[in-house]
N, C-alpha and C. Protein backbone atom coordinates (compact mmCIF):
# COMPACT_ATOMS: atom_id res chain seq x y z
N MET A 1 -69.84 -52.59 -84.44
CA MET A 1 -70.21 -51.24 -84.22
C MET A 1 -70.38 -51.04 -82.68
N GLN A 2 -69.82 -49.89 -82.27
CA GLN A 2 -69.74 -49.58 -80.80
C GLN A 2 -71.11 -48.97 -80.40
N THR A 3 -71.47 -49.20 -79.18
CA THR A 3 -72.66 -48.47 -78.67
C THR A 3 -72.22 -47.04 -78.29
N ILE A 4 -73.17 -46.16 -78.18
CA ILE A 4 -72.82 -44.75 -77.79
C ILE A 4 -72.02 -44.72 -76.44
N LYS A 5 -72.43 -45.51 -75.51
CA LYS A 5 -71.71 -45.65 -74.26
C LYS A 5 -70.18 -46.07 -74.50
N GLN A 6 -70.00 -47.13 -75.26
CA GLN A 6 -68.70 -47.56 -75.55
C GLN A 6 -67.84 -46.53 -76.29
N GLU A 7 -68.51 -45.81 -77.21
CA GLU A 7 -67.79 -44.75 -77.92
C GLU A 7 -67.45 -43.63 -76.97
N ALA A 8 -68.30 -43.19 -76.14
CA ALA A 8 -68.07 -42.20 -75.15
C ALA A 8 -66.94 -42.61 -74.23
N LEU A 9 -66.90 -43.83 -73.69
CA LEU A 9 -65.85 -44.29 -72.82
C LEU A 9 -64.49 -44.33 -73.50
N ALA A 10 -64.56 -44.74 -74.77
CA ALA A 10 -63.27 -44.87 -75.54
C ALA A 10 -62.73 -43.43 -75.76
N ALA A 11 -63.62 -42.48 -76.13
CA ALA A 11 -63.19 -41.10 -76.37
C ALA A 11 -62.50 -40.49 -75.11
N ILE A 12 -63.23 -40.71 -73.99
CA ILE A 12 -62.72 -40.19 -72.63
C ILE A 12 -61.39 -40.82 -72.30
N SER A 13 -61.27 -42.12 -72.53
CA SER A 13 -60.03 -42.80 -72.12
C SER A 13 -58.88 -42.35 -72.97
N LYS A 14 -59.08 -41.77 -74.13
CA LYS A 14 -58.03 -41.27 -74.98
C LYS A 14 -57.52 -39.92 -74.53
N LEU A 15 -58.24 -39.26 -73.72
CA LEU A 15 -57.80 -37.92 -73.25
C LEU A 15 -56.72 -38.04 -72.24
N PRO A 16 -55.83 -37.04 -72.14
CA PRO A 16 -54.66 -37.09 -71.20
C PRO A 16 -55.26 -37.13 -69.73
N ASP A 17 -54.35 -37.59 -68.86
CA ASP A 17 -54.82 -37.68 -67.41
C ASP A 17 -55.12 -36.40 -66.78
N ASN A 18 -54.66 -35.31 -67.34
CA ASN A 18 -54.93 -34.05 -66.70
C ASN A 18 -56.15 -33.34 -67.43
N ALA A 19 -56.84 -34.07 -68.23
CA ALA A 19 -58.06 -33.50 -68.90
C ALA A 19 -59.06 -33.03 -67.86
N THR A 20 -59.78 -31.92 -68.21
CA THR A 20 -60.78 -31.37 -67.36
C THR A 20 -62.13 -31.93 -67.67
N ILE A 21 -63.13 -31.75 -66.83
CA ILE A 21 -64.50 -32.06 -67.09
C ILE A 21 -64.95 -31.41 -68.36
N GLU A 22 -64.55 -30.18 -68.58
CA GLU A 22 -64.85 -29.39 -69.79
C GLU A 22 -64.29 -30.11 -71.07
N ASP A 23 -63.11 -30.61 -71.00
CA ASP A 23 -62.47 -31.34 -72.12
C ASP A 23 -63.28 -32.59 -72.35
N MET A 24 -63.74 -33.27 -71.38
CA MET A 24 -64.60 -34.51 -71.61
C MET A 24 -65.91 -34.19 -72.26
N MET A 25 -66.51 -33.07 -71.72
CA MET A 25 -67.77 -32.69 -72.24
C MET A 25 -67.74 -32.18 -73.61
N TYR A 26 -66.69 -31.52 -73.96
CA TYR A 26 -66.49 -31.04 -75.29
C TYR A 26 -66.31 -32.16 -76.26
N ARG A 27 -65.56 -33.20 -75.88
CA ARG A 27 -65.30 -34.42 -76.75
C ARG A 27 -66.62 -35.12 -76.96
N LEU A 28 -67.47 -35.22 -75.99
CA LEU A 28 -68.77 -35.87 -76.06
C LEU A 28 -69.73 -35.13 -76.96
N TYR A 29 -69.63 -33.73 -76.84
CA TYR A 29 -70.44 -32.87 -77.67
C TYR A 29 -70.11 -33.01 -79.12
N VAL A 30 -68.79 -33.09 -79.42
CA VAL A 30 -68.39 -33.24 -80.75
C VAL A 30 -68.90 -34.59 -81.37
N ILE A 31 -68.75 -35.62 -80.61
CA ILE A 31 -69.22 -36.98 -81.00
C ILE A 31 -70.74 -36.93 -81.26
N ASP A 32 -71.46 -36.24 -80.39
CA ASP A 32 -72.90 -36.15 -80.54
C ASP A 32 -73.32 -35.39 -81.91
N LYS A 33 -72.57 -34.28 -82.18
CA LYS A 33 -72.77 -33.54 -83.35
C LYS A 33 -72.48 -34.27 -84.62
N ILE A 34 -71.41 -35.12 -84.61
CA ILE A 34 -71.03 -35.99 -85.68
C ILE A 34 -72.09 -37.01 -85.89
N HIS A 35 -72.59 -37.62 -84.91
CA HIS A 35 -73.68 -38.58 -85.05
C HIS A 35 -74.97 -37.93 -85.62
N ALA A 36 -75.25 -36.68 -85.17
CA ALA A 36 -76.42 -35.98 -85.72
C ALA A 36 -76.24 -35.62 -87.21
N GLY A 37 -75.14 -35.24 -87.55
CA GLY A 37 -74.82 -34.93 -89.01
C GLY A 37 -74.88 -36.22 -89.86
N LEU A 38 -74.39 -37.32 -89.38
CA LEU A 38 -74.58 -38.58 -90.17
C LEU A 38 -75.90 -38.97 -90.25
N ASP A 39 -76.80 -38.76 -89.20
CA ASP A 39 -78.12 -39.15 -89.21
C ASP A 39 -78.87 -38.23 -90.17
N ASP A 40 -78.56 -36.91 -90.31
CA ASP A 40 -79.14 -36.06 -91.25
C ASP A 40 -78.85 -36.52 -92.75
N ILE A 41 -77.61 -36.92 -92.97
CA ILE A 41 -77.19 -37.43 -94.22
C ILE A 41 -78.02 -38.71 -94.64
N ARG A 42 -78.16 -39.62 -93.69
CA ARG A 42 -78.91 -40.84 -93.99
C ARG A 42 -80.38 -40.64 -94.24
N ASN A 43 -80.87 -39.46 -93.63
CA ASN A 43 -82.31 -39.21 -93.81
C ASN A 43 -82.58 -38.14 -94.77
N GLY A 44 -81.59 -37.80 -95.60
CA GLY A 44 -81.78 -36.82 -96.72
C GLY A 44 -81.94 -35.37 -96.26
N ARG A 45 -81.59 -35.07 -95.09
CA ARG A 45 -81.71 -33.69 -94.60
C ARG A 45 -80.38 -32.94 -94.96
N VAL A 46 -80.19 -32.70 -96.24
CA VAL A 46 -79.01 -31.99 -96.75
C VAL A 46 -79.36 -30.95 -97.73
N ILE A 47 -78.44 -30.06 -98.00
CA ILE A 47 -78.63 -29.02 -99.05
C ILE A 47 -77.32 -29.03 -99.82
N THR A 48 -77.42 -28.52 -101.05
CA THR A 48 -76.21 -28.41 -101.86
C THR A 48 -75.40 -27.14 -101.42
N ALA A 49 -74.18 -27.10 -101.81
CA ALA A 49 -73.40 -25.87 -101.61
C ALA A 49 -73.96 -24.67 -102.24
N GLU A 50 -74.51 -24.78 -103.32
CA GLU A 50 -75.15 -23.60 -103.97
C GLU A 50 -76.35 -23.15 -103.19
N GLU A 51 -77.16 -24.11 -102.72
CA GLU A 51 -78.28 -23.77 -101.90
C GLU A 51 -77.87 -22.90 -100.62
N LEU A 52 -76.81 -23.45 -100.05
CA LEU A 52 -76.27 -22.74 -98.87
C LEU A 52 -75.77 -21.34 -99.14
N LYS A 53 -75.08 -21.24 -100.37
CA LYS A 53 -74.60 -19.88 -100.65
C LYS A 53 -75.75 -18.90 -100.92
N ARG A 54 -76.83 -19.34 -101.55
CA ARG A 54 -77.99 -18.54 -101.68
C ARG A 54 -78.64 -18.19 -100.39
N GLU A 55 -78.71 -19.07 -99.47
CA GLU A 55 -79.25 -18.91 -98.11
C GLU A 55 -78.40 -17.83 -97.43
N ILE A 56 -77.13 -17.90 -97.43
CA ILE A 56 -76.18 -17.02 -96.72
C ILE A 56 -76.38 -15.57 -97.27
N GLN A 57 -76.64 -15.43 -98.53
CA GLN A 57 -76.77 -14.11 -99.09
C GLN A 57 -77.99 -13.37 -98.58
N THR A 58 -78.96 -14.15 -98.07
CA THR A 58 -80.13 -13.53 -97.57
C THR A 58 -79.93 -12.99 -96.08
N TRP A 59 -78.78 -13.34 -95.49
CA TRP A 59 -78.58 -12.89 -94.05
C TRP A 59 -78.40 -11.45 -94.02
């Protein structure tokens, strides 16, 4: 299993040579959100699709 630093370096190294700082930041942002979502799943912080539909209807 990679460390966060290793994962970040690998993701950045896969970007094209003309990638911008914004491209790099976005790639790291997406990786962070994926990790946060996986952590939510592991810790039971999820709702069903039906619960989400009911919540959306209250908007």
